[in-house]
N, C-alpha and C. Protein backbone atom coordinates (compact mmCIF):
# COMPACT_ATOMS: atom_id res chain seq x y z
N MET A 1 16.24 7.14 11.60
CA MET A 1 16.32 6.17 10.52
C MET A 1 15.09 6.32 9.64
N TYR A 2 15.28 6.11 8.33
CA TYR A 2 14.19 6.18 7.36
C TYR A 2 14.10 4.83 6.65
N TYR A 3 12.87 4.37 6.40
CA TYR A 3 12.63 3.05 5.81
C TYR A 3 11.84 3.19 4.51
N HIS A 4 12.19 2.34 3.55
CA HIS A 4 11.53 2.32 2.24
C HIS A 4 11.41 0.86 1.81
N ALA A 5 10.23 0.45 1.34
CA ALA A 5 10.02 -0.94 0.92
C ALA A 5 9.99 -1.05 -0.60
N SER A 6 10.52 -2.18 -1.09
CA SER A 6 10.54 -2.43 -2.52
C SER A 6 10.63 -3.93 -2.78
N PRO A 7 10.01 -4.41 -3.86
CA PRO A 7 10.19 -5.82 -4.24
C PRO A 7 11.54 -6.04 -4.94
N VAL A 8 12.25 -4.97 -5.24
CA VAL A 8 13.51 -5.04 -5.99
C VAL A 8 14.69 -5.23 -5.04
N ALA A 9 15.50 -6.24 -5.33
CA ALA A 9 16.69 -6.52 -4.51
C ALA A 9 17.89 -5.71 -4.98
N GLY A 10 18.83 -5.50 -4.07
CA GLY A 10 20.13 -4.95 -4.42
C GLY A 10 20.20 -3.46 -4.65
N ILE A 11 19.22 -2.72 -4.19
CA ILE A 11 19.27 -1.26 -4.38
C ILE A 11 20.30 -0.67 -3.42
N THR A 12 21.18 0.15 -3.95
CA THR A 12 22.17 0.84 -3.13
C THR A 12 21.91 2.34 -3.08
N ARG A 13 21.14 2.81 -4.04
CA ARG A 13 20.77 4.23 -4.08
C ARG A 13 19.34 4.34 -4.57
N LEU A 14 18.48 4.93 -3.74
CA LEU A 14 17.08 5.13 -4.11
C LEU A 14 16.96 6.40 -4.93
N LYS A 15 16.14 6.34 -5.98
CA LYS A 15 15.96 7.49 -6.87
C LYS A 15 14.49 7.88 -6.92
N PRO A 16 14.21 9.18 -7.03
CA PRO A 16 12.82 9.64 -7.09
C PRO A 16 12.10 9.06 -8.31
N ALA A 17 10.81 8.78 -8.12
CA ALA A 17 9.94 8.30 -9.20
C ALA A 17 8.57 8.95 -9.02
N VAL A 18 7.84 9.10 -10.11
CA VAL A 18 6.51 9.68 -10.05
C VAL A 18 5.53 8.63 -9.52
N SER A 19 4.75 9.02 -8.51
CA SER A 19 3.75 8.13 -7.92
C SER A 19 2.40 8.81 -7.93
N ASN A 20 1.51 8.41 -7.03
CA ASN A 20 0.14 8.94 -7.01
C ASN A 20 0.07 10.45 -6.90
N HIS A 21 1.05 11.09 -6.31
CA HIS A 21 1.01 12.54 -6.13
C HIS A 21 1.46 13.31 -7.37
N GLY A 22 1.95 12.61 -8.40
CA GLY A 22 2.35 13.26 -9.64
C GLY A 22 3.65 14.02 -9.57
N VAL A 23 4.42 13.83 -8.51
CA VAL A 23 5.70 14.51 -8.31
C VAL A 23 6.78 13.45 -8.12
N PRO A 24 7.96 13.60 -8.75
CA PRO A 24 9.01 12.60 -8.52
C PRO A 24 9.56 12.67 -7.09
N LEU A 25 9.30 11.63 -6.33
CA LEU A 25 9.71 11.57 -4.93
C LEU A 25 10.12 10.16 -4.54
N ILE A 26 10.84 10.06 -3.44
CA ILE A 26 11.08 8.79 -2.76
C ILE A 26 10.31 8.89 -1.45
N TYR A 27 9.52 7.87 -1.15
CA TYR A 27 8.70 7.87 0.05
C TYR A 27 9.35 7.02 1.14
N PHE A 28 9.34 7.54 2.36
CA PHE A 28 9.92 6.86 3.51
C PHE A 28 8.96 6.91 4.68
N SER A 29 9.21 6.04 5.65
CA SER A 29 8.56 6.15 6.96
C SER A 29 9.65 6.09 8.01
N LYS A 30 9.41 6.74 9.10
CA LYS A 30 10.33 6.68 10.23
C LYS A 30 10.07 5.42 11.06
N LYS A 31 9.03 4.66 10.70
CA LYS A 31 8.70 3.41 11.38
C LYS A 31 8.80 2.26 10.38
N ARG A 32 9.62 1.29 10.67
CA ARG A 32 9.82 0.14 9.80
C ARG A 32 8.50 -0.56 9.47
N GLU A 33 7.68 -0.80 10.51
CA GLU A 33 6.44 -1.55 10.30
C GLU A 33 5.48 -0.85 9.34
N ASN A 34 5.59 0.46 9.22
CA ASN A 34 4.66 1.19 8.34
C ASN A 34 4.93 0.97 6.85
N VAL A 35 6.12 0.49 6.49
CA VAL A 35 6.39 0.28 5.06
C VAL A 35 6.03 -1.12 4.59
N LEU A 36 5.68 -2.01 5.49
CA LEU A 36 5.32 -3.38 5.08
C LEU A 36 4.19 -3.39 4.07
N VAL A 37 3.24 -2.46 4.19
CA VAL A 37 2.10 -2.43 3.27
C VAL A 37 2.51 -2.12 1.84
N TYR A 38 3.71 -1.59 1.64
CA TYR A 38 4.17 -1.23 0.30
C TYR A 38 4.90 -2.36 -0.41
N LEU A 39 4.99 -3.51 0.22
CA LEU A 39 5.65 -4.64 -0.43
C LEU A 39 4.76 -5.28 -1.50
N SER A 40 3.47 -4.98 -1.48
CA SER A 40 2.56 -5.52 -2.49
C SER A 40 1.46 -4.51 -2.76
N ASN A 41 1.01 -4.47 -4.00
CA ASN A 41 -0.12 -3.64 -4.41
C ASN A 41 -1.25 -4.60 -4.78
N ALA A 42 -2.36 -4.54 -4.05
CA ALA A 42 -3.47 -5.47 -4.26
C ALA A 42 -3.98 -5.45 -5.70
N ILE A 43 -4.02 -4.28 -6.31
CA ILE A 43 -4.52 -4.15 -7.68
C ILE A 43 -3.60 -4.89 -8.65
N GLU A 44 -2.32 -4.59 -8.57
CA GLU A 44 -1.35 -5.23 -9.47
C GLU A 44 -1.31 -6.74 -9.26
N ARG A 45 -1.30 -7.17 -8.02
CA ARG A 45 -1.23 -8.61 -7.75
C ARG A 45 -2.47 -9.33 -8.28
N HIS A 46 -3.64 -8.78 -8.04
CA HIS A 46 -4.87 -9.42 -8.52
C HIS A 46 -4.87 -9.51 -10.05
N CYS A 47 -4.53 -8.43 -10.70
CA CYS A 47 -4.53 -8.42 -12.17
C CYS A 47 -3.54 -9.44 -12.74
N ARG A 48 -2.33 -9.46 -12.21
CA ARG A 48 -1.32 -10.40 -12.71
C ARG A 48 -1.74 -11.86 -12.47
N GLU A 49 -2.29 -12.13 -11.28
CA GLU A 49 -2.66 -13.51 -10.95
C GLU A 49 -3.88 -14.01 -11.72
N THR A 50 -4.69 -13.09 -12.22
CA THR A 50 -5.88 -13.50 -12.97
C THR A 50 -5.73 -13.28 -14.47
N GLY A 51 -4.52 -12.90 -14.91
CA GLY A 51 -4.24 -12.79 -16.34
C GLY A 51 -4.72 -11.51 -17.01
N PHE A 52 -5.01 -10.49 -16.23
CA PHE A 52 -5.43 -9.21 -16.82
C PHE A 52 -4.19 -8.49 -17.33
N ALA A 53 -4.09 -8.34 -18.64
CA ALA A 53 -2.92 -7.70 -19.26
C ALA A 53 -3.05 -6.18 -19.14
N TYR A 54 -1.99 -5.57 -18.64
CA TYR A 54 -1.98 -4.12 -18.49
C TYR A 54 -0.54 -3.62 -18.54
N ALA A 55 -0.31 -2.57 -19.33
CA ALA A 55 1.06 -2.07 -19.49
C ALA A 55 1.24 -0.65 -18.96
N GLY A 56 0.20 -0.04 -18.43
CA GLY A 56 0.30 1.33 -17.94
C GLY A 56 0.74 1.42 -16.50
N PRO A 57 0.70 2.62 -15.94
CA PRO A 57 1.04 2.77 -14.51
C PRO A 57 -0.07 2.20 -13.65
N TRP A 58 0.31 1.44 -12.63
CA TRP A 58 -0.66 0.78 -11.76
C TRP A 58 -1.23 1.78 -10.75
N GLN A 59 -2.54 1.78 -10.62
CA GLN A 59 -3.18 2.52 -9.55
C GLN A 59 -2.76 1.86 -8.24
N LYS A 60 -2.61 2.63 -7.18
CA LYS A 60 -2.22 2.08 -5.88
C LYS A 60 -3.45 1.89 -4.99
N TRP A 61 -3.41 0.84 -4.19
CA TRP A 61 -4.47 0.56 -3.23
C TRP A 61 -3.85 0.72 -1.85
N GLY A 62 -4.26 1.74 -1.10
CA GLY A 62 -3.69 2.02 0.21
C GLY A 62 -4.64 1.63 1.32
N PRO A 63 -4.61 0.36 1.74
CA PRO A 63 -5.60 -0.13 2.70
C PRO A 63 -5.23 0.14 4.16
N TYR A 64 -4.93 1.37 4.49
CA TYR A 64 -4.56 1.63 5.87
C TYR A 64 -4.96 3.03 6.30
N GLY A 65 -5.00 3.18 7.60
CA GLY A 65 -5.21 4.46 8.25
C GLY A 65 -4.36 4.45 9.51
N PHE A 66 -4.69 5.31 10.45
CA PHE A 66 -3.91 5.37 11.69
C PHE A 66 -4.83 5.49 12.89
N ASN A 67 -4.46 4.79 13.94
CA ASN A 67 -5.19 4.87 15.20
C ASN A 67 -4.85 6.19 15.89
N ARG A 68 -5.63 6.54 16.88
CA ARG A 68 -5.37 7.78 17.63
C ARG A 68 -4.02 7.78 18.31
N ASP A 69 -3.51 6.58 18.63
CA ASP A 69 -2.20 6.50 19.28
C ASP A 69 -1.04 6.56 18.28
N GLY A 70 -1.36 6.75 16.99
CA GLY A 70 -0.33 6.89 15.96
C GLY A 70 0.07 5.61 15.27
N ARG A 71 -0.42 4.47 15.77
CA ARG A 71 -0.08 3.20 15.11
C ARG A 71 -0.87 3.04 13.82
N GLN A 72 -0.19 2.49 12.83
CA GLN A 72 -0.85 2.20 11.57
C GLN A 72 -1.92 1.14 11.78
N ARG A 73 -3.06 1.30 11.07
CA ARG A 73 -4.16 0.35 11.13
C ARG A 73 -4.42 -0.14 9.70
N ILE A 74 -4.09 -1.38 9.42
CA ILE A 74 -4.36 -1.96 8.12
C ILE A 74 -5.82 -2.38 8.10
N GLU A 75 -6.51 -2.02 7.04
CA GLU A 75 -7.96 -2.23 6.97
C GLU A 75 -8.31 -3.16 5.81
N GLU A 76 -9.09 -4.18 6.11
CA GLU A 76 -9.57 -5.10 5.08
C GLU A 76 -10.93 -4.60 4.58
N TYR A 77 -10.97 -4.12 3.36
CA TYR A 77 -12.21 -3.61 2.80
C TYR A 77 -13.04 -4.68 2.10
N TYR A 78 -12.46 -5.85 1.92
CA TYR A 78 -13.17 -6.99 1.32
C TYR A 78 -12.62 -8.25 1.99
N PRO A 79 -13.36 -9.36 1.93
CA PRO A 79 -12.93 -10.58 2.63
C PRO A 79 -11.55 -11.06 2.19
N ASN A 80 -10.73 -11.45 3.15
CA ASN A 80 -9.40 -12.01 2.92
C ASN A 80 -8.42 -11.06 2.24
N ALA A 81 -8.67 -9.78 2.32
CA ALA A 81 -7.84 -8.80 1.62
C ALA A 81 -6.37 -8.89 2.04
N LEU A 82 -6.12 -8.99 3.32
CA LEU A 82 -4.75 -9.01 3.82
C LEU A 82 -3.99 -10.20 3.28
N GLU A 83 -4.56 -11.37 3.41
CA GLU A 83 -3.88 -12.57 2.96
C GLU A 83 -3.71 -12.60 1.44
N SER A 84 -4.76 -12.23 0.69
CA SER A 84 -4.66 -12.30 -0.77
C SER A 84 -3.69 -11.26 -1.34
N THR A 85 -3.45 -10.20 -0.61
CA THR A 85 -2.52 -9.17 -1.06
C THR A 85 -1.08 -9.49 -0.68
N TYR A 86 -0.85 -10.01 0.52
CA TYR A 86 0.51 -10.09 1.05
C TYR A 86 1.09 -11.49 1.22
N ARG A 87 0.27 -12.53 1.35
CA ARG A 87 0.82 -13.87 1.60
C ARG A 87 1.71 -14.30 0.43
N GLY A 88 2.93 -14.74 0.79
CA GLY A 88 3.87 -15.23 -0.21
C GLY A 88 4.64 -14.15 -0.95
N VAL A 89 4.39 -12.90 -0.63
CA VAL A 89 5.10 -11.80 -1.29
C VAL A 89 6.38 -11.50 -0.51
N SER A 90 7.48 -11.50 -1.20
CA SER A 90 8.75 -11.14 -0.55
C SER A 90 9.21 -9.78 -1.07
N GLY A 91 10.15 -9.21 -0.35
CA GLY A 91 10.68 -7.91 -0.76
C GLY A 91 11.74 -7.44 0.21
N TRP A 92 12.10 -6.20 0.06
CA TRP A 92 13.20 -5.62 0.83
C TRP A 92 12.76 -4.35 1.54
N ILE A 93 13.25 -4.18 2.75
CA ILE A 93 13.10 -2.91 3.45
C ILE A 93 14.48 -2.28 3.49
N TYR A 94 14.57 -1.13 2.84
CA TYR A 94 15.84 -0.40 2.77
C TYR A 94 15.87 0.68 3.84
N ARG A 95 17.07 0.90 4.38
CA ARG A 95 17.26 1.91 5.42
C ARG A 95 18.17 3.02 4.90
N ALA A 96 17.81 4.24 5.29
CA ALA A 96 18.64 5.41 5.00
C ALA A 96 18.80 6.19 6.29
N GLU A 97 19.97 6.70 6.49
CA GLU A 97 20.22 7.45 7.73
C GLU A 97 19.76 8.90 7.60
N THR A 98 20.00 9.48 6.45
CA THR A 98 19.60 10.87 6.22
C THR A 98 18.96 10.99 4.84
N ILE A 99 18.07 11.96 4.72
CA ILE A 99 17.47 12.27 3.43
C ILE A 99 17.45 13.78 3.27
N ALA A 100 17.35 14.23 2.03
CA ALA A 100 17.13 15.65 1.75
C ALA A 100 15.62 15.82 1.67
N ASP A 101 15.01 16.26 2.76
CA ASP A 101 13.55 16.36 2.83
C ASP A 101 13.04 17.27 1.72
N SER A 102 12.06 16.76 0.97
CA SER A 102 11.52 17.51 -0.18
C SER A 102 10.61 18.65 0.25
N GLY A 103 10.11 18.59 1.48
CA GLY A 103 9.15 19.59 1.92
C GLY A 103 7.73 19.25 1.48
N PHE A 104 7.56 18.17 0.71
CA PHE A 104 6.24 17.74 0.26
C PHE A 104 5.57 16.98 1.39
N SER A 105 4.37 17.40 1.76
CA SER A 105 3.65 16.74 2.84
C SER A 105 2.66 15.73 2.29
N THR A 106 2.79 14.49 2.72
CA THR A 106 1.86 13.45 2.31
C THR A 106 0.63 13.41 3.21
N GLY A 107 0.73 14.01 4.38
CA GLY A 107 -0.34 13.93 5.36
C GLY A 107 -0.36 12.61 6.10
N ILE A 108 0.63 11.78 5.86
CA ILE A 108 0.72 10.45 6.49
C ILE A 108 1.64 10.55 7.70
N PRO A 109 1.19 10.12 8.88
CA PRO A 109 2.04 10.17 10.06
C PRO A 109 3.37 9.43 9.86
N ASP A 110 4.43 10.01 10.34
CA ASP A 110 5.78 9.45 10.32
C ASP A 110 6.35 9.27 8.92
N ALA A 111 5.72 9.86 7.91
CA ALA A 111 6.22 9.75 6.54
C ALA A 111 7.17 10.91 6.24
N ALA A 112 8.06 10.65 5.30
CA ALA A 112 8.98 11.67 4.82
C ALA A 112 9.21 11.41 3.33
N THR A 113 9.56 12.46 2.62
CA THR A 113 9.83 12.32 1.18
C THR A 113 11.13 13.03 0.83
N SER A 114 11.76 12.53 -0.22
CA SER A 114 12.97 13.17 -0.74
C SER A 114 12.80 13.32 -2.25
N SER A 115 13.19 14.47 -2.77
CA SER A 115 13.17 14.68 -4.21
C SER A 115 14.57 14.47 -4.80
N ALA A 116 15.52 14.12 -3.96
CA ALA A 116 16.90 13.86 -4.39
C ALA A 116 17.24 12.40 -4.10
N PRO A 117 18.14 11.80 -4.88
CA PRO A 117 18.55 10.41 -4.60
C PRO A 117 19.06 10.25 -3.16
N VAL A 118 18.86 9.05 -2.62
CA VAL A 118 19.24 8.76 -1.23
C VAL A 118 20.05 7.48 -1.19
N ASP A 119 21.19 7.53 -0.52
CA ASP A 119 22.03 6.34 -0.38
C ASP A 119 21.45 5.41 0.68
N VAL A 120 21.47 4.13 0.38
CA VAL A 120 20.98 3.08 1.27
C VAL A 120 22.13 2.66 2.19
N ILE A 121 21.83 2.53 3.49
CA ILE A 121 22.88 2.09 4.42
C ILE A 121 22.68 0.65 4.87
N GLY A 122 21.52 0.08 4.55
CA GLY A 122 21.25 -1.30 4.94
C GLY A 122 19.95 -1.78 4.33
N ALA A 123 19.80 -3.10 4.31
CA ALA A 123 18.59 -3.70 3.75
C ALA A 123 18.22 -4.94 4.54
N GLU A 124 16.94 -5.19 4.62
CA GLU A 124 16.42 -6.36 5.30
C GLU A 124 15.51 -7.11 4.33
N PHE A 125 15.77 -8.38 4.13
CA PHE A 125 14.92 -9.20 3.28
C PHE A 125 13.70 -9.64 4.08
N VAL A 126 12.51 -9.46 3.51
CA VAL A 126 11.26 -9.90 4.13
C VAL A 126 10.75 -11.06 3.27
N PRO A 127 10.84 -12.31 3.77
CA PRO A 127 10.45 -13.46 2.96
C PRO A 127 8.96 -13.58 2.70
N ASP A 128 8.13 -13.07 3.61
CA ASP A 128 6.68 -13.15 3.45
C ASP A 128 6.06 -11.93 4.13
N ALA A 129 5.56 -11.01 3.32
CA ALA A 129 5.01 -9.77 3.85
C ALA A 129 3.83 -10.03 4.78
N TYR A 130 3.02 -11.03 4.47
CA TYR A 130 1.86 -11.36 5.30
C TYR A 130 2.31 -11.76 6.70
N GLU A 131 3.28 -12.65 6.79
CA GLU A 131 3.79 -13.08 8.10
C GLU A 131 4.44 -11.92 8.85
N ALA A 132 5.13 -11.03 8.13
CA ALA A 132 5.76 -9.88 8.77
C ALA A 132 4.71 -8.93 9.34
N ILE A 133 3.61 -8.75 8.61
CA ILE A 133 2.52 -7.89 9.09
C ILE A 133 1.88 -8.50 10.33
N LEU A 134 1.61 -9.81 10.29
CA LEU A 134 1.02 -10.47 11.46
C LEU A 134 1.95 -10.39 12.67
N GLN A 135 3.26 -10.51 12.45
CA GLN A 135 4.22 -10.39 13.55
C GLN A 135 4.21 -8.98 14.12
N ALA A 136 4.15 -7.98 13.26
CA ALA A 136 4.09 -6.59 13.73
C ALA A 136 2.82 -6.35 14.54
N GLU A 137 1.72 -7.01 14.15
CA GLU A 137 0.48 -6.91 14.93
C GLU A 137 0.68 -7.55 16.31
N ARG A 138 1.26 -8.76 16.33
CA ARG A 138 1.50 -9.44 17.61
C ARG A 138 2.41 -8.62 18.52
N ASP A 139 3.36 -7.90 17.91
CA ASP A 139 4.29 -7.07 18.68
C ASP A 139 3.68 -5.74 19.11
N GLY A 140 2.43 -5.49 18.70
CA GLY A 140 1.76 -4.26 19.08
C GLY A 140 2.19 -3.03 18.30
N LEU A 141 2.88 -3.24 17.17
CA LEU A 141 3.40 -2.12 16.39
C LEU A 141 2.37 -1.55 15.42
N LEU A 142 1.39 -2.36 15.04
CA LEU A 142 0.31 -1.93 14.18
C LEU A 142 -0.93 -2.72 14.53
N THR A 143 -2.06 -2.32 14.01
CA THR A 143 -3.30 -3.05 14.24
C THR A 143 -3.91 -3.43 12.89
N ILE A 144 -4.78 -4.42 12.90
CA ILE A 144 -5.46 -4.87 11.69
C ILE A 144 -6.96 -4.85 11.96
N LEU A 145 -7.68 -4.15 11.11
CA LEU A 145 -9.13 -4.18 11.15
C LEU A 145 -9.57 -5.18 10.08
N ARG A 146 -9.97 -6.36 10.54
CA ARG A 146 -10.37 -7.41 9.60
C ARG A 146 -11.77 -7.13 9.07
N TYR A 147 -12.01 -7.62 7.87
CA TYR A 147 -13.28 -7.38 7.19
C TYR A 147 -14.48 -7.72 8.07
N GLU A 148 -14.39 -8.84 8.77
CA GLU A 148 -15.50 -9.29 9.61
C GLU A 148 -15.78 -8.33 10.76
N GLU A 149 -14.80 -7.53 11.14
CA GLU A 149 -14.94 -6.59 12.26
C GLU A 149 -15.29 -5.18 11.81
N MET A 150 -15.40 -4.97 10.49
CA MET A 150 -15.62 -3.63 9.96
C MET A 150 -16.94 -3.06 10.47
N PRO A 151 -16.90 -1.87 11.07
CA PRO A 151 -18.13 -1.26 11.57
C PRO A 151 -19.04 -0.82 10.42
N GLU A 152 -20.30 -0.69 10.73
CA GLU A 152 -21.30 -0.34 9.71
C GLU A 152 -20.97 0.98 9.02
N ARG A 153 -20.43 1.95 9.74
CA ARG A 153 -20.10 3.25 9.12
C ARG A 153 -19.07 3.08 8.02
N MET A 154 -18.14 2.13 8.17
CA MET A 154 -17.14 1.89 7.12
C MET A 154 -17.77 1.13 5.95
N ARG A 155 -18.68 0.23 6.25
CA ARG A 155 -19.39 -0.48 5.18
C ARG A 155 -20.21 0.51 4.35
N GLU A 156 -20.81 1.47 5.03
CA GLU A 156 -21.57 2.51 4.33
C GLU A 156 -20.64 3.36 3.47
N TRP A 157 -19.46 3.67 4.00
CA TRP A 157 -18.46 4.42 3.22
C TRP A 157 -18.11 3.64 1.95
N ASN A 158 -17.91 2.32 2.07
CA ASN A 158 -17.65 1.47 0.89
C ASN A 158 -18.79 1.58 -0.11
N ARG A 159 -20.03 1.50 0.37
CA ARG A 159 -21.19 1.53 -0.54
C ARG A 159 -21.25 2.84 -1.33
N LYS A 160 -20.78 3.91 -0.75
CA LYS A 160 -20.78 5.21 -1.43
C LYS A 160 -19.52 5.41 -2.28
N THR A 161 -18.38 5.04 -1.72
CA THR A 161 -17.10 5.37 -2.34
C THR A 161 -16.72 4.45 -3.50
N ILE A 162 -16.95 3.15 -3.38
CA ILE A 162 -16.49 2.22 -4.42
C ILE A 162 -17.14 2.52 -5.77
N PRO A 163 -18.47 2.73 -5.86
CA PRO A 163 -19.04 3.10 -7.17
C PRO A 163 -18.48 4.41 -7.72
N ALA A 164 -18.23 5.38 -6.84
CA ALA A 164 -17.64 6.65 -7.29
C ALA A 164 -16.22 6.45 -7.79
N GLU A 165 -15.44 5.62 -7.10
CA GLU A 165 -14.08 5.31 -7.54
C GLU A 165 -14.11 4.63 -8.91
N TYR A 166 -15.03 3.70 -9.07
CA TYR A 166 -15.15 2.98 -10.34
C TYR A 166 -15.48 3.96 -11.48
N ALA A 167 -16.43 4.83 -11.26
CA ALA A 167 -16.83 5.80 -12.28
C ALA A 167 -15.68 6.75 -12.64
N ALA A 168 -14.88 7.12 -11.64
CA ALA A 168 -13.80 8.07 -11.88
C ALA A 168 -12.56 7.42 -12.50
N ALA A 169 -12.54 6.10 -12.59
CA ALA A 169 -11.34 5.39 -13.04
C ALA A 169 -11.39 5.01 -14.52
N ALA A 170 -12.02 5.82 -15.34
CA ALA A 170 -12.15 5.50 -16.76
C ALA A 170 -10.80 5.27 -17.44
N ASN A 171 -9.76 5.95 -16.99
CA ASN A 171 -8.43 5.80 -17.58
C ASN A 171 -7.57 4.75 -16.89
N HIS A 172 -8.16 4.01 -15.98
CA HIS A 172 -7.44 2.96 -15.26
C HIS A 172 -8.22 1.65 -15.33
N PRO A 173 -8.14 0.95 -16.46
CA PRO A 173 -8.90 -0.31 -16.59
C PRO A 173 -8.48 -1.36 -15.57
N GLU A 174 -7.23 -1.33 -15.12
CA GLU A 174 -6.77 -2.30 -14.12
C GLU A 174 -7.46 -2.06 -12.78
N TYR A 175 -7.70 -0.80 -12.45
CA TYR A 175 -8.38 -0.46 -11.20
C TYR A 175 -9.84 -0.87 -11.28
N ARG A 176 -10.48 -0.62 -12.41
CA ARG A 176 -11.88 -1.02 -12.59
C ARG A 176 -12.01 -2.54 -12.51
N TYR A 177 -11.08 -3.25 -13.12
CA TYR A 177 -11.09 -4.72 -13.10
C TYR A 177 -11.00 -5.22 -11.66
N PHE A 178 -10.09 -4.65 -10.90
CA PHE A 178 -9.91 -4.99 -9.50
C PHE A 178 -11.18 -4.71 -8.69
N LEU A 179 -11.72 -3.51 -8.84
CA LEU A 179 -12.92 -3.14 -8.08
C LEU A 179 -14.09 -4.06 -8.39
N LYS A 180 -14.28 -4.40 -9.66
CA LYS A 180 -15.38 -5.31 -10.05
C LYS A 180 -15.20 -6.68 -9.40
N ALA A 181 -13.96 -7.14 -9.31
CA ALA A 181 -13.70 -8.46 -8.73
C ALA A 181 -13.87 -8.47 -7.22
N LYS A 182 -13.45 -7.43 -6.55
CA LYS A 182 -13.46 -7.40 -5.09
C LYS A 182 -14.76 -6.86 -4.49
N PHE A 183 -15.52 -6.08 -5.27
CA PHE A 183 -16.76 -5.48 -4.77
C PHE A 183 -17.90 -5.72 -5.75
N PRO A 184 -18.15 -6.97 -6.14
CA PRO A 184 -19.17 -7.22 -7.17
C PRO A 184 -20.56 -6.76 -6.79
N GLU A 185 -20.94 -6.89 -5.54
CA GLU A 185 -22.27 -6.48 -5.12
C GLU A 185 -22.45 -4.97 -5.17
N LEU A 186 -21.37 -4.24 -4.91
CA LEU A 186 -21.46 -2.79 -4.94
C LEU A 186 -21.43 -2.24 -6.35
N LEU A 187 -20.97 -3.05 -7.30
CA LEU A 187 -20.82 -2.57 -8.68
C LEU A 187 -21.67 -3.35 -9.68
N LYS A 188 -22.65 -4.07 -9.22
CA LYS A 188 -23.46 -4.90 -10.14
C LYS A 188 -24.21 -4.05 -11.16
N GLU A 189 -24.44 -2.78 -10.88
CA GLU A 189 -25.12 -1.88 -11.84
C GLU A 189 -24.15 -1.25 -12.83
N SER A 190 -22.84 -1.33 -12.57
CA SER A 190 -21.83 -0.70 -13.43
C SER A 190 -21.52 -1.57 -14.62
N GLU A 191 -21.31 -0.93 -15.74
CA GLU A 191 -20.91 -1.57 -17.00
C GLU A 191 -21.06 -3.06 -16.93
C-alpha cells in the first residue's frame, strides 16, 4: 500500500506536481504514519496566520529524520513547533495500491515516487494532524524529539545552519519571514 497526504478533499486521481526536487512527481510512503507530517507546512501556516502576503511557491519545512530502527522521528527545532504547525489542521490520507515507480530516489526511508498519475483506492479523513501524530507516537509508530530534549549537537547545527539558510533564501521571502520569527536569536544580525 502507498500513502499520500493532502489538505484537499475528494481526490480520486493523484497527479504529478513540481516540488522541492524540481521534478514533477507524486510522493508516497509505504507507512501511513510517515505522511502525517505533510498535512501542514510550518512556513505556509505561520505566514498565513500572521498576515504575510505571498503568492509564490512555498518553501517546505521538513522537520523530521529517522531513527536507526527505521521509525520516523519528528524534530522540534523551535519551541512548540509540533503544536503550532499541526494542531487544528485537518486533511486526507489517500491510499494507492500500485504506482508506476519513477525511479527517482528521495533518500527517504519507505518513500516512493511516481511520475505518472495514480488512481486512489481509498481515503481517510484526519480531523487533527497534531492529535494523529501524538497517537502514532503513543502507538510506537514514530518518535518525537521535543525542543526541550534537543541535544547540544543539534542546537549547534541550528546555530550554523539557520543563518546559512536565511542567507541562501533571497528568492524566498516567506522562508526568511518564517526563519526570523522562529529563530530570532540566531538571526538578530541579519537584515
